mmCIF file of all heavy atoms, coordinates in Angstrom:
data_MODEL
# 
_entry.id   MODEL 
# 
loop_
_atom_site.group_PDB 
_atom_site.id 
_atom_site.type_symbol 
_atom_site.label_atom_id 
_atom_site.label_alt_id 
_atom_site.label_comp_id 
_atom_site.label_asym_id 
_atom_site.label_entity_id 
_atom_site.label_seq_id 
_atom_site.pdbx_PDB_ins_code 
_atom_site.Cartn_x 
_atom_site.Cartn_y 
_atom_site.Cartn_z 
_atom_site.occupancy 
_atom_site.B_iso_or_equiv 
_atom_site.pdbx_formal_charge 
_atom_site.auth_seq_id 
_atom_site.auth_comp_id 
_atom_site.auth_asym_id 
_atom_site.auth_atom_id 
_atom_site.pdbx_PDB_model_num 
ATOM 1   N N   . ALA A 1 1  ? -6.048 -8.211 15.752 1.00 0.00 ? 1  ALA A N   1 
ATOM 2   C CA  . ALA A 1 1  ? -7.204 -8.050 14.870 1.00 0.00 ? 1  ALA A CA  1 
ATOM 3   C C   . ALA A 1 1  ? -6.775 -7.241 13.644 1.00 0.00 ? 1  ALA A C   1 
ATOM 4   O O   . ALA A 1 1  ? -5.814 -6.481 13.708 1.00 0.00 ? 1  ALA A O   1 
ATOM 5   C CB  . ALA A 1 1  ? -8.315 -7.326 15.610 1.00 0.00 ? 1  ALA A CB  1 
ATOM 6   N N   . PRO A 1 2  ? -7.477 -7.397 12.522 1.00 0.00 ? 2  PRO A N   1 
ATOM 7   C CA  . PRO A 1 2  ? -7.124 -6.634 11.319 1.00 0.00 ? 2  PRO A CA  1 
ATOM 8   C C   . PRO A 1 2  ? -7.099 -5.118 11.554 1.00 0.00 ? 2  PRO A C   1 
ATOM 9   O O   . PRO A 1 2  ? -6.256 -4.414 11.006 1.00 0.00 ? 2  PRO A O   1 
ATOM 10  C CB  . PRO A 1 2  ? -8.218 -7.007 10.323 1.00 0.00 ? 2  PRO A CB  1 
ATOM 11  C CG  . PRO A 1 2  ? -8.703 -8.348 10.769 1.00 0.00 ? 2  PRO A CG  1 
ATOM 12  C CD  . PRO A 1 2  ? -8.557 -8.349 12.261 1.00 0.00 ? 2  PRO A CD  1 
ATOM 13  N N   . GLY A 1 3  ? -7.994 -4.640 12.372 1.00 0.00 ? 3  GLY A N   1 
ATOM 14  C CA  . GLY A 1 3  ? -8.008 -3.208 12.696 1.00 0.00 ? 3  GLY A CA  1 
ATOM 15  C C   . GLY A 1 3  ? -6.744 -2.777 13.416 1.00 0.00 ? 3  GLY A C   1 
ATOM 16  O O   . GLY A 1 3  ? -6.221 -1.688 13.183 1.00 0.00 ? 3  GLY A O   1 
ATOM 17  N N   . GLU A 1 4  ? -6.253 -3.643 14.304 1.00 0.00 ? 4  GLU A N   1 
ATOM 18  C CA  . GLU A 1 4  ? -5.020 -3.332 15.027 1.00 0.00 ? 4  GLU A CA  1 
ATOM 19  C C   . GLU A 1 4  ? -3.826 -3.335 14.077 1.00 0.00 ? 4  GLU A C   1 
ATOM 20  O O   . GLU A 1 4  ? -2.933 -2.487 14.189 1.00 0.00 ? 4  GLU A O   1 
ATOM 21  C CB  . GLU A 1 4  ? -4.795 -4.344 16.148 1.00 0.00 ? 4  GLU A CB  1 
ATOM 22  C CG  . GLU A 1 4  ? -5.802 -4.243 17.276 1.00 0.00 ? 4  GLU A CG  1 
ATOM 23  C CD  . GLU A 1 4  ? -5.640 -5.357 18.294 1.00 0.00 ? 4  GLU A CD  1 
ATOM 24  O OE1 . GLU A 1 4  ? -5.430 -6.516 17.902 1.00 0.00 ? 4  GLU A OE1 1 
ATOM 25  O OE2 . GLU A 1 4  ? -5.718 -5.027 19.497 1.00 0.00 ? 4  GLU A OE2 1 
ATOM 26  N N   . VAL A 1 5  ? -3.813 -4.278 13.142 1.00 0.00 ? 5  VAL A N   1 
ATOM 27  C CA  . VAL A 1 5  ? -2.734 -4.340 12.158 1.00 0.00 ? 5  VAL A CA  1 
ATOM 28  C C   . VAL A 1 5  ? -2.730 -3.062 11.324 1.00 0.00 ? 5  VAL A C   1 
ATOM 29  O O   . VAL A 1 5  ? -1.687 -2.436 11.113 1.00 0.00 ? 5  VAL A O   1 
ATOM 30  C CB  . VAL A 1 5  ? -2.882 -5.591 11.255 1.00 0.00 ? 5  VAL A CB  1 
ATOM 31  C CG1 . VAL A 1 5  ? -1.893 -5.548 10.110 1.00 0.00 ? 5  VAL A CG1 1 
ATOM 32  C CG2 . VAL A 1 5  ? -2.726 -6.865 12.068 1.00 0.00 ? 5  VAL A CG2 1 
ATOM 33  N N   . GLN A 1 6  ? -3.908 -2.663 10.837 1.00 0.00 ? 6  GLN A N   1 
ATOM 34  C CA  . GLN A 1 6  ? -4.018 -1.435 10.040 1.00 0.00 ? 6  GLN A CA  1 
ATOM 35  C C   . GLN A 1 6  ? -3.582 -0.225 10.845 1.00 0.00 ? 6  GLN A C   1 
ATOM 36  O O   . GLN A 1 6  ? -2.875 0.637  10.343 1.00 0.00 ? 6  GLN A O   1 
ATOM 37  C CB  . GLN A 1 6  ? -5.464 -1.260 9.540  1.00 0.00 ? 6  GLN A CB  1 
ATOM 38  C CG  . GLN A 1 6  ? -5.672 -0.004 8.714  1.00 0.00 ? 6  GLN A CG  1 
ATOM 39  C CD  . GLN A 1 6  ? -4.853 0.005  7.440  1.00 0.00 ? 6  GLN A CD  1 
ATOM 40  O OE1 . GLN A 1 6  ? -4.712 -1.018 6.783  1.00 0.00 ? 6  GLN A OE1 1 
ATOM 41  N NE2 . GLN A 1 6  ? -4.296 1.153  7.100  1.00 0.00 ? 6  GLN A NE2 1 
ATOM 42  N N   . ARG A 1 7  ? -4.017 -0.167 12.086 1.00 0.00 ? 7  ARG A N   1 
ATOM 43  C CA  . ARG A 1 7  ? -3.633 0.950  12.965 1.00 0.00 ? 7  ARG A CA  1 
ATOM 44  C C   . ARG A 1 7  ? -2.121 1.022  13.117 1.00 0.00 ? 7  ARG A C   1 
ATOM 45  O O   . ARG A 1 7  ? -1.517 2.081  12.981 1.00 0.00 ? 7  ARG A O   1 
ATOM 46  C CB  . ARG A 1 7  ? -4.287 0.772  14.336 1.00 0.00 ? 7  ARG A CB  1 
ATOM 47  C CG  . ARG A 1 7  ? -3.902 1.855  15.347 1.00 0.00 ? 7  ARG A CG  1 
ATOM 48  C CD  . ARG A 1 7  ? -4.057 1.402  16.778 1.00 0.00 ? 7  ARG A CD  1 
ATOM 49  N NE  . ARG A 1 7  ? -3.164 0.274  17.020 1.00 0.00 ? 7  ARG A NE  1 
ATOM 50  C CZ  . ARG A 1 7  ? -3.376 -0.635 17.968 1.00 0.00 ? 7  ARG A CZ  1 
ATOM 51  N NH1 . ARG A 1 7  ? -4.435 -0.579 18.723 1.00 0.00 ? 7  ARG A NH1 1 
ATOM 52  N NH2 . ARG A 1 7  ? -2.526 -1.620 18.146 1.00 0.00 ? 7  ARG A NH2 1 
ATOM 53  N N   . ASP A 1 8  ? -1.484 -0.129 13.367 1.00 0.00 ? 8  ASP A N   1 
ATOM 54  C CA  . ASP A 1 8  ? -0.034 -0.164 13.550 1.00 0.00 ? 8  ASP A CA  1 
ATOM 55  C C   . ASP A 1 8  ? 0.696  0.223  12.264 1.00 0.00 ? 8  ASP A C   1 
ATOM 56  O O   . ASP A 1 8  ? 1.722  0.908  12.306 1.00 0.00 ? 8  ASP A O   1 
ATOM 57  C CB  . ASP A 1 8  ? 0.405  -1.541 14.035 1.00 0.00 ? 8  ASP A CB  1 
ATOM 58  C CG  . ASP A 1 8  ? -0.090 -1.845 15.446 1.00 0.00 ? 8  ASP A CG  1 
ATOM 59  O OD1 . ASP A 1 8  ? -0.522 -0.907 16.147 1.00 0.00 ? 8  ASP A OD1 1 
ATOM 60  O OD2 . ASP A 1 8  ? -0.040 -3.033 15.835 1.00 0.00 ? 8  ASP A OD2 1 
ATOM 61  N N   . GLU A 1 9  ? 0.161  -0.196 11.122 1.00 0.00 ? 9  GLU A N   1 
ATOM 62  C CA  . GLU A 1 9  ? 0.772  0.179  9.845  1.00 0.00 ? 9  GLU A CA  1 
ATOM 63  C C   . GLU A 1 9  ? 0.637  1.677  9.604  1.00 0.00 ? 9  GLU A C   1 
ATOM 64  O O   . GLU A 1 9  ? 1.568  2.329  9.122  1.00 0.00 ? 9  GLU A O   1 
ATOM 65  C CB  . GLU A 1 9  ? 0.144  -0.612 8.700  1.00 0.00 ? 9  GLU A CB  1 
ATOM 66  C CG  . GLU A 1 9  ? 0.527  -2.075 8.696  1.00 0.00 ? 9  GLU A CG  1 
ATOM 67  C CD  . GLU A 1 9  ? -0.242 -2.900 7.669  1.00 0.00 ? 9  GLU A CD  1 
ATOM 68  O OE1 . GLU A 1 9  ? -1.158 -2.345 7.015  1.00 0.00 ? 9  GLU A OE1 1 
ATOM 69  O OE2 . GLU A 1 9  ? 0.077  -4.093 7.528  1.00 0.00 ? 9  GLU A OE2 1 
ATOM 70  N N   . THR A 1 10 ? -0.518 2.224  9.956  1.00 0.00 ? 10 THR A N   1 
ATOM 71  C CA  . THR A 1 10 ? -0.743 3.666  9.810  1.00 0.00 ? 10 THR A CA  1 
ATOM 72  C C   . THR A 1 10 ? 0.210  4.440  10.710 1.00 0.00 ? 10 THR A C   1 
ATOM 73  O O   . THR A 1 10 ? 0.817  5.434  10.288 1.00 0.00 ? 10 THR A O   1 
ATOM 74  C CB  . THR A 1 10 ? -2.201 4.030  10.138 1.00 0.00 ? 10 THR A CB  1 
ATOM 75  O OG1 . THR A 1 10 ? -3.062 3.316  9.244  1.00 0.00 ? 10 THR A OG1 1 
ATOM 76  C CG2 . THR A 1 10 ? -2.453 5.522  10.014 1.00 0.00 ? 10 THR A CG2 1 
ATOM 77  N N   . ILE A 1 11 ? 0.360  3.988  11.939 1.00 0.00 ? 11 ILE A N   1 
ATOM 78  C CA  . ILE A 1 11 ? 1.270  4.646  12.881 1.00 0.00 ? 11 ILE A CA  1 
ATOM 79  C C   . ILE A 1 11 ? 2.699  4.590  12.349 1.00 0.00 ? 11 ILE A C   1 
ATOM 80  O O   . ILE A 1 11 ? 3.428  5.591  12.388 1.00 0.00 ? 11 ILE A O   1 
ATOM 81  C CB  . ILE A 1 11 ? 1.166  4.014  14.281 1.00 0.00 ? 11 ILE A CB  1 
ATOM 82  C CG1 . ILE A 1 11 ? -0.178 4.378  14.920 1.00 0.00 ? 11 ILE A CG1 1 
ATOM 83  C CG2 . ILE A 1 11 ? 2.324  4.463  15.173 1.00 0.00 ? 11 ILE A CG2 1 
ATOM 84  C CD1 . ILE A 1 11 ? -0.484 3.646  16.209 1.00 0.00 ? 11 ILE A CD1 1 
ATOM 85  N N   . ALA A 1 12 ? 3.107  3.439  11.839 1.00 0.00 ? 12 ALA A N   1 
ATOM 86  C CA  . ALA A 1 12 ? 4.464  3.302  11.294 1.00 0.00 ? 12 ALA A CA  1 
ATOM 87  C C   . ALA A 1 12 ? 4.678  4.249  10.116 1.00 0.00 ? 12 ALA A C   1 
ATOM 88  O O   . ALA A 1 12 ? 5.722  4.901  10.011 1.00 0.00 ? 12 ALA A O   1 
ATOM 89  C CB  . ALA A 1 12 ? 4.725  1.853  10.876 1.00 0.00 ? 12 ALA A CB  1 
ATOM 90  N N   . GLU A 1 13 ? 3.689  4.362  9.239  1.00 0.00 ? 13 GLU A N   1 
ATOM 91  C CA  . GLU A 1 13 ? 3.793  5.262  8.082  1.00 0.00 ? 13 GLU A CA  1 
ATOM 92  C C   . GLU A 1 13 ? 3.853  6.719  8.532  1.00 0.00 ? 13 GLU A C   1 
ATOM 93  O O   . GLU A 1 13 ? 4.646  7.508  8.015  1.00 0.00 ? 13 GLU A O   1 
ATOM 94  C CB  . GLU A 1 13 ? 2.614  5.050  7.123  1.00 0.00 ? 13 GLU A CB  1 
ATOM 95  C CG  . GLU A 1 13 ? 2.622  5.962  5.927  1.00 0.00 ? 13 GLU A CG  1 
ATOM 96  C CD  . GLU A 1 13 ? 3.837  5.825  5.029  1.00 0.00 ? 13 GLU A CD  1 
ATOM 97  O OE1 . GLU A 1 13 ? 4.440  4.726  4.961  1.00 0.00 ? 13 GLU A OE1 1 
ATOM 98  O OE2 . GLU A 1 13 ? 4.195  6.824  4.376  1.00 0.00 ? 13 GLU A OE2 1 
ATOM 99  N N   . LEU A 1 14 ? 3.026  7.081  9.499  1.00 0.00 ? 14 LEU A N   1 
ATOM 100 C CA  . LEU A 1 14 ? 3.031  8.453  10.004 1.00 0.00 ? 14 LEU A CA  1 
ATOM 101 C C   . LEU A 1 14 ? 4.361  8.780  10.684 1.00 0.00 ? 14 LEU A C   1 
ATOM 102 O O   . LEU A 1 14 ? 4.879  9.898  10.545 1.00 0.00 ? 14 LEU A O   1 
ATOM 103 C CB  . LEU A 1 14 ? 1.865  8.678  10.964 1.00 0.00 ? 14 LEU A CB  1 
ATOM 104 C CG  . LEU A 1 14 ? 0.485  8.700  10.305 1.00 0.00 ? 14 LEU A CG  1 
ATOM 105 C CD1 . LEU A 1 14 ? -0.611 8.721  11.367 1.00 0.00 ? 14 LEU A CD1 1 
ATOM 106 C CD2 . LEU A 1 14 ? 0.347  9.878  9.362  1.00 0.00 ? 14 LEU A CD2 1 
ATOM 107 N N   . ARG A 1 15 ? 4.930  7.836  11.404 1.00 0.00 ? 15 ARG A N   1 
ATOM 108 C CA  . ARG A 1 15 ? 6.242  8.054  12.025 1.00 0.00 ? 15 ARG A CA  1 
ATOM 109 C C   . ARG A 1 15 ? 7.321  8.249  10.968 1.00 0.00 ? 15 ARG A C   1 
ATOM 110 O O   . ARG A 1 15 ? 8.205  9.097  11.112 1.00 0.00 ? 15 ARG A O   1 
ATOM 111 C CB  . ARG A 1 15 ? 6.594  6.892  12.946 1.00 0.00 ? 15 ARG A CB  1 
ATOM 112 C CG  . ARG A 1 15 ? 5.821  6.922  14.244 1.00 0.00 ? 15 ARG A CG  1 
ATOM 113 C CD  . ARG A 1 15 ? 6.206  5.803  15.169 1.00 0.00 ? 15 ARG A CD  1 
ATOM 114 N NE  . ARG A 1 15 ? 5.500  5.948  16.435 1.00 0.00 ? 15 ARG A NE  1 
ATOM 115 C CZ  . ARG A 1 15 ? 5.271  4.972  17.271 1.00 0.00 ? 15 ARG A CZ  1 
ATOM 116 N NH1 . ARG A 1 15 ? 5.675  3.741  17.001 1.00 0.00 ? 15 ARG A NH1 1 
ATOM 117 N NH2 . ARG A 1 15 ? 4.627  5.189  18.394 1.00 0.00 ? 15 ARG A NH2 1 
ATOM 118 N N   . LYS A 1 16 ? 7.232  7.483  9.892  1.00 0.00 ? 16 LYS A N   1 
ATOM 119 C CA  . LYS A 1 16 ? 8.187  7.628  8.781  1.00 0.00 ? 16 LYS A CA  1 
ATOM 120 C C   . LYS A 1 16 ? 8.058  9.019  8.166  1.00 0.00 ? 16 LYS A C   1 
ATOM 121 O O   . LYS A 1 16 ? 9.064  9.694  7.928  1.00 0.00 ? 16 LYS A O   1 
ATOM 122 C CB  . LYS A 1 16 ? 7.929  6.552  7.730  1.00 0.00 ? 16 LYS A CB  1 
ATOM 123 C CG  . LYS A 1 16 ? 8.812  6.657  6.518  1.00 0.00 ? 16 LYS A CG  1 
ATOM 124 C CD  . LYS A 1 16 ? 8.419  5.631  5.474  1.00 0.00 ? 16 LYS A CD  1 
ATOM 125 C CE  . LYS A 1 16 ? 9.151  5.905  4.176  1.00 0.00 ? 16 LYS A CE  1 
ATOM 126 N NZ  . LYS A 1 16 ? 8.565  5.222  3.043  1.00 0.00 ? 16 LYS A NZ  1 
ATOM 127 N N   . GLN A 1 17 ? 6.824  9.455  7.923  1.00 0.00 ? 17 GLN A N   1 
ATOM 128 C CA  . GLN A 1 17 ? 6.592  10.778 7.354  1.00 0.00 ? 17 GLN A CA  1 
ATOM 129 C C   . GLN A 1 17 ? 7.102  11.880 8.280  1.00 0.00 ? 17 GLN A C   1 
ATOM 130 O O   . GLN A 1 17 ? 7.673  12.876 7.830  1.00 0.00 ? 17 GLN A O   1 
ATOM 131 C CB  . GLN A 1 17 ? 5.106  10.979 7.062  1.00 0.00 ? 17 GLN A CB  1 
ATOM 132 C CG  . GLN A 1 17 ? 4.586  10.139 5.910  1.00 0.00 ? 17 GLN A CG  1 
ATOM 133 C CD  . GLN A 1 17 ? 3.083  10.288 5.728  1.00 0.00 ? 17 GLN A CD  1 
ATOM 134 O OE1 . GLN A 1 17 ? 2.435  11.137 6.329  1.00 0.00 ? 17 GLN A OE1 1 
ATOM 135 N NE2 . GLN A 1 17 ? 2.517  9.444  4.876  1.00 0.00 ? 17 GLN A NE2 1 
ATOM 136 N N   . LEU A 1 18 ? 6.907  11.683 9.581  1.00 0.00 ? 18 LEU A N   1 
ATOM 137 C CA  . LEU A 1 18 ? 7.381  12.657 10.559 1.00 0.00 ? 18 LEU A CA  1 
ATOM 138 C C   . LEU A 1 18 ? 8.905  12.746 10.534 1.00 0.00 ? 18 LEU A C   1 
ATOM 139 O O   . LEU A 1 18 ? 9.465  13.847 10.555 1.00 0.00 ? 18 LEU A O   1 
ATOM 140 C CB  . LEU A 1 18 ? 6.879  12.299 11.959 1.00 0.00 ? 18 LEU A CB  1 
ATOM 141 C CG  . LEU A 1 18 ? 7.337  13.208 13.096 1.00 0.00 ? 18 LEU A CG  1 
ATOM 142 C CD1 . LEU A 1 18 ? 6.864  14.641 12.864 1.00 0.00 ? 18 LEU A CD1 1 
ATOM 143 C CD2 . LEU A 1 18 ? 6.838  12.681 14.434 1.00 0.00 ? 18 LEU A CD2 1 
ATOM 144 N N   . ARG A 1 19 ? 9.579  11.598 10.490 1.00 0.00 ? 19 ARG A N   1 
ATOM 145 C CA  . ARG A 1 19 ? 11.049 11.592 10.419 1.00 0.00 ? 19 ARG A CA  1 
ATOM 146 C C   . ARG A 1 19 ? 11.525 12.327 9.173  1.00 0.00 ? 19 ARG A C   1 
ATOM 147 O O   . ARG A 1 19 ? 12.465 13.127 9.231  1.00 0.00 ? 19 ARG A O   1 
ATOM 148 C CB  . ARG A 1 19 ? 11.593 10.167 10.427 1.00 0.00 ? 19 ARG A CB  1 
ATOM 149 C CG  . ARG A 1 19 ? 11.615 9.503  11.789 1.00 0.00 ? 19 ARG A CG  1 
ATOM 150 C CD  . ARG A 1 19 ? 12.399 8.199  11.768 1.00 0.00 ? 19 ARG A CD  1 
ATOM 151 N NE  . ARG A 1 19 ? 11.909 7.246  10.777 1.00 0.00 ? 19 ARG A NE  1 
ATOM 152 C CZ  . ARG A 1 19 ? 10.929 6.377  10.970 1.00 0.00 ? 19 ARG A CZ  1 
ATOM 153 N NH1 . ARG A 1 19 ? 10.328 6.329  12.140 1.00 0.00 ? 19 ARG A NH1 1 
ATOM 154 N NH2 . ARG A 1 19 ? 10.553 5.555  10.013 1.00 0.00 ? 19 ARG A NH2 1 
ATOM 155 N N   . GLU A 1 20 ? 10.873 12.082 8.037  1.00 0.00 ? 20 GLU A N   1 
ATOM 156 C CA  . GLU A 1 20 ? 11.250 12.746 6.790  1.00 0.00 ? 20 GLU A CA  1 
ATOM 157 C C   . GLU A 1 20 ? 11.018 14.254 6.881  1.00 0.00 ? 20 GLU A C   1 
ATOM 158 O O   . GLU A 1 20 ? 11.859 15.045 6.447  1.00 0.00 ? 20 GLU A O   1 
ATOM 159 C CB  . GLU A 1 20 ? 10.474 12.152 5.618  1.00 0.00 ? 20 GLU A CB  1 
ATOM 160 C CG  . GLU A 1 20 ? 10.877 10.733 5.282  1.00 0.00 ? 20 GLU A CG  1 
ATOM 161 C CD  . GLU A 1 20 ? 9.950  10.062 4.271  1.00 0.00 ? 20 GLU A CD  1 
ATOM 162 O OE1 . GLU A 1 20 ? 8.923  10.665 3.879  1.00 0.00 ? 20 GLU A OE1 1 
ATOM 163 O OE2 . GLU A 1 20 ? 10.270 8.925  3.869  1.00 0.00 ? 20 GLU A OE2 1 
ATOM 164 N N   . ALA A 1 21 ? 9.896  14.654 7.447  1.00 0.00 ? 21 ALA A N   1 
ATOM 165 C CA  . ALA A 1 21 ? 9.587  16.078 7.592  1.00 0.00 ? 21 ALA A CA  1 
ATOM 166 C C   . ALA A 1 21 ? 10.590 16.748 8.529  1.00 0.00 ? 21 ALA A C   1 
ATOM 167 O O   . ALA A 1 21 ? 11.030 17.880 8.272  1.00 0.00 ? 21 ALA A O   1 
ATOM 168 C CB  . ALA A 1 21 ? 8.161  16.265 8.105  1.00 0.00 ? 21 ALA A CB  1 
ATOM 169 N N   . GLN A 1 22 ? 10.959 16.066 9.596  1.00 0.00 ? 22 GLN A N   1 
ATOM 170 C CA  . GLN A 1 22 ? 11.933 16.627 10.530 1.00 0.00 ? 22 GLN A CA  1 
ATOM 171 C C   . GLN A 1 22 ? 13.301 16.766 9.856  1.00 0.00 ? 22 GLN A C   1 
ATOM 172 O O   . GLN A 1 22 ? 14.008 17.750 10.084 1.00 0.00 ? 22 GLN A O   1 
ATOM 173 C CB  . GLN A 1 22 ? 12.040 15.758 11.781 1.00 0.00 ? 22 GLN A CB  1 
ATOM 174 C CG  . GLN A 1 22 ? 10.826 15.879 12.685 1.00 0.00 ? 22 GLN A CG  1 
ATOM 175 C CD  . GLN A 1 22 ? 10.824 14.878 13.820 1.00 0.00 ? 22 GLN A CD  1 
ATOM 176 O OE1 . GLN A 1 22 ? 11.345 13.770 13.707 1.00 0.00 ? 22 GLN A OE1 1 
ATOM 177 N NE2 . GLN A 1 22 ? 10.206 15.246 14.936 1.00 0.00 ? 22 GLN A NE2 1 
ATOM 178 N N   . ALA A 1 23 ? 13.672 15.791 9.024  1.00 0.00 ? 23 ALA A N   1 
ATOM 179 C CA  . ALA A 1 23 ? 14.948 15.862 8.308  1.00 0.00 ? 23 ALA A CA  1 
ATOM 180 C C   . ALA A 1 23 ? 14.935 17.038 7.336  1.00 0.00 ? 23 ALA A C   1 
ATOM 181 O O   . ALA A 1 23 ? 15.916 17.781 7.227  1.00 0.00 ? 23 ALA A O   1 
ATOM 182 C CB  . ALA A 1 23 ? 15.218 14.550 7.572  1.00 0.00 ? 23 ALA A CB  1 
ATOM 183 N N   . GLN A 1 24 ? 13.823 17.227 6.626  1.00 0.00 ? 24 GLN A N   1 
ATOM 184 C CA  . GLN A 1 24 ? 13.707 18.361 5.701  1.00 0.00 ? 24 GLN A CA  1 
ATOM 185 C C   . GLN A 1 24 ? 13.764 19.689 6.460  1.00 0.00 ? 24 GLN A C   1 
ATOM 186 O O   . GLN A 1 24 ? 14.404 20.640 6.008  1.00 0.00 ? 24 GLN A O   1 
ATOM 187 C CB  . GLN A 1 24 ? 12.418 18.270 4.900  1.00 0.00 ? 24 GLN A CB  1 
ATOM 188 C CG  . GLN A 1 24 ? 12.421 17.172 3.866  1.00 0.00 ? 24 GLN A CG  1 
ATOM 189 C CD  . GLN A 1 24 ? 11.080 17.055 3.151  1.00 0.00 ? 24 GLN A CD  1 
ATOM 190 O OE1 . GLN A 1 24 ? 10.105 17.715 3.491  1.00 0.00 ? 24 GLN A OE1 1 
ATOM 191 N NE2 . GLN A 1 24 ? 11.028 16.190 2.145  1.00 0.00 ? 24 GLN A NE2 1 
ATOM 192 N N   . ALA A 1 25 ? 13.093 19.752 7.591  1.00 0.00 ? 25 ALA A N   1 
ATOM 193 C CA  . ALA A 1 25 ? 13.098 20.984 8.384  1.00 0.00 ? 25 ALA A CA  1 
ATOM 194 C C   . ALA A 1 25 ? 14.506 21.283 8.886  1.00 0.00 ? 25 ALA A C   1 
ATOM 195 O O   . ALA A 1 25 ? 14.939 22.447 8.877  1.00 0.00 ? 25 ALA A O   1 
ATOM 196 C CB  . ALA A 1 25 ? 12.127 20.861 9.562  1.00 0.00 ? 25 ALA A CB  1 
ATOM 197 N N   . ALA A 1 26 ? 15.231 20.260 9.312  1.00 0.00 ? 26 ALA A N   1 
ATOM 198 C CA  . ALA A 1 26 ? 16.599 20.457 9.790  1.00 0.00 ? 26 ALA A CA  1 
ATOM 199 C C   . ALA A 1 26 ? 17.495 20.948 8.652  1.00 0.00 ? 26 ALA A C   1 
ATOM 200 O O   . ALA A 1 26 ? 18.340 21.827 8.854  1.00 0.00 ? 26 ALA A O   1 
ATOM 201 C CB  . ALA A 1 26 ? 17.147 19.161 10.378 1.00 0.00 ? 26 ALA A CB  1 
# 
């Protein structure tokens, strides 16, 4: 469903942001 697609895209973006934040913290 479109909501599931949006949710998955949001999760992917948040995971990317988390990886970047972890790299900066390291």
